[in-house]
C-alpha cells in the first residue's frame, strides 16, 4: 500500500507507437511539459514545454498527437 501526498500532475499516454508523459515541474513554473519516451528503452525522444499553466487545467488527453486540456 502506498499513498501520494499533495497532488500528482503526471499523465501517461500511449498512441500505439510511443509513450507520452504529460507533467509539470517547478522549473517549468507550472507550465505543462510533454515528454515522448521510447516504449522499449524508456529513453526520452522529445521534450516540449507548452505555455499552458497547470492551474487552469483539470485534465489532459491526447488525440492524434494533439494535447487537449
C-alpha atoms as a PDB file:
ATOM      1  CA  UNK A   1       0.000   0.000   0.000  1.00  0.00           C
ATOM      2  CA  UNK A   2       1.255   3.482  -0.790  1.00  0.00           C
ATOM      3  CA  UNK A   3      -0.077   6.993  -0.660  1.00  0.00           C
ATOM      4  CA  UNK A   4       0.669  10.139  -2.596  1.00  0.00           C
ATOM      5  CA  UNK A   5       0.900  13.316  -0.597  1.00  0.00           C
ATOM      6  CA  UNK A   6      -0.145  16.523  -2.299  1.00  0.00           C
ATOM      7  CA  UNK A   7      -1.010  16.490  -5.977  1.00  0.00           C
ATOM      8  CA  UNK A   8       0.007  14.275  -8.870  1.00  0.00           C
ATOM      9  CA  UNK A   9       0.487  16.259 -12.066  1.00  0.00           C
ATOM     10  CA  UNK A  10       1.511  13.424 -14.367  1.00  0.00           C
ATOM     11  CA  UNK A  11      -0.468  11.546 -17.015  1.00  0.00           C
ATOM     12  CA  UNK A  12       0.865   8.589 -19.007  1.00  0.00           C
ATOM     13  CA  UNK A  13      -0.497   8.041 -22.517  1.00  0.00           C
ATOM     14  CA  UNK A  14       0.268   5.824 -25.481  1.00  0.00           C
ATOM     15  CA  UNK A  15      -0.564   6.194 -29.156  1.00  0.00           C
ATOM     16  CA  UNK A  16       0.455   2.654 -30.135  1.00  0.00           C
ATOM     17  CA  UNK A  17       3.931   3.781 -31.193  1.00  0.00           C
ATOM     18  CA  UNK A  18       5.284   5.829 -28.313  1.00  0.00           C
ATOM     19  CA  UNK A  19       4.784   6.504 -24.642  1.00  0.00           C
ATOM     20  CA  UNK A  20       3.909  10.086 -23.707  1.00  0.00           C
ATOM     21  CA  UNK A  21       4.123  11.756 -20.320  1.00  0.00           C
ATOM     22  CA  UNK A  22       2.282  14.997 -19.602  1.00  0.00           C
ATOM     23  CA  UNK A  23       3.505  16.684 -16.439  1.00  0.00           C
ATOM     24  CA  UNK A  24       4.614  19.920 -14.802  1.00  0.00           C
ATOM     25  CA  UNK A  25       7.603  20.902 -12.704  1.00  0.00           C
ATOM     26  CA  UNK A  26       8.775  23.784 -10.564  1.00  0.00           C
ATOM     27  CA  UNK A  27      11.388  24.510 -13.250  1.00  0.00           C
ATOM     28  CA  UNK A  28       8.623  24.997 -15.835  1.00  0.00           C
ATOM     29  CA  UNK A  29       6.824  27.361 -13.430  1.00  0.00           C
ATOM     30  CA  UNK A  30       3.718  25.178 -13.591  1.00  0.00           C
ATOM     31  CA  UNK A  31       3.549  25.086 -17.399  1.00  0.00           C
ATOM     32  CA  UNK A  32       2.633  21.717 -18.893  1.00  0.00           C
ATOM     33  CA  UNK A  33       5.549  19.705 -20.313  1.00  0.00           C
ATOM     34  CA  UNK A  34       5.094  16.887 -22.852  1.00  0.00           C
ATOM     35  CA  UNK A  35       7.700  14.128 -22.949  1.00  0.00           C
ATOM     36  CA  UNK A  36       7.837  11.456 -25.660  1.00  0.00           C
ATOM     37  CA  UNK A  37       9.554   8.250 -24.483  1.00  0.00           C
ATOM     38  CA  UNK A  38      10.687   5.181 -26.407  1.00  0.00           C
ATOM     39  CA  UNK A  39       8.427   2.413 -25.011  1.00  0.00           C
ATOM     40  CA  UNK A  40      11.176  -0.223 -25.165  1.00  0.00           C
ATOM     41  CA  UNK A  41      14.183   1.654 -23.776  1.00  0.00           C
ATOM     42  CA  UNK A  42      12.305   4.348 -21.798  1.00  0.00           C
ATOM     43  CA  UNK A  43      14.760   6.880 -23.200  1.00  0.00           C
ATOM     44  CA  UNK A  44      13.430  10.397 -23.858  1.00  0.00           C
ATOM     45  CA  UNK A  45      12.856  11.156 -27.542  1.00  0.00           C
ATOM     46  CA  UNK A  46      11.361  14.646 -27.376  1.00  0.00           C
ATOM     47  CA  UNK A  47      10.509  17.243 -24.734  1.00  0.00           C
ATOM     48  CA  UNK A  48       8.157  20.134 -25.392  1.00  0.00           C
ATOM     49  CA  UNK A  49       7.270  22.798 -22.852  1.00  0.00           C
ATOM     50  CA  UNK A  50       3.897  24.402 -23.511  1.00  0.00           C
ATOM     51  CA  UNK A  51       2.645  27.823 -22.491  1.00  0.00           C
ATOM     52  CA  UNK A  52      -0.399  26.310 -20.736  1.00  0.00           C
ATOM     53  CA  UNK A  53      -0.208  26.590 -16.958  1.00  0.00           C
ATOM     54  CA  UNK A  54      -1.490  23.636 -14.915  1.00  0.00           C
ATOM     55  CA  UNK A  55      -3.509  25.890 -12.587  1.00  0.00           C
ATOM     56  CA  UNK A  56      -6.143  26.386 -15.288  1.00  0.00           C
ATOM     57  CA  UNK A  57      -6.353  22.726 -16.326  1.00  0.00           C
ATOM     58  CA  UNK A  58      -8.409  19.899 -14.842  1.00  0.00           C
ATOM     59  CA  UNK A  59      -7.312  17.037 -17.144  1.00  0.00           C
ATOM     60  CA  UNK A  60      -5.229  16.460 -20.273  1.00  0.00           C
ATOM     61  CA  UNK A  61      -5.630  13.912 -23.017  1.00  0.00           C
ATOM     62  CA  UNK A  62      -4.096  13.328 -26.418  1.00  0.00           C
ATOM     63  CA  UNK A  63      -5.754  12.533 -29.763  1.00  0.00           C
ATOM     64  CA  UNK A  64      -3.635  12.066 -32.881  1.00  0.00           C
ATOM     65  CA  UNK A  65      -0.634  13.737 -31.220  1.00  0.00           C
ATOM     66  CA  UNK A  66      -2.644  16.807 -30.209  1.00  0.00           C
ATOM     67  CA  UNK A  67      -2.954  17.564 -26.476  1.00  0.00           C
ATOM     68  CA  UNK A  68      -6.300  18.792 -25.221  1.00  0.00           C
ATOM     69  CA  UNK A  69      -6.624  20.377 -21.794  1.00  0.00           C
END
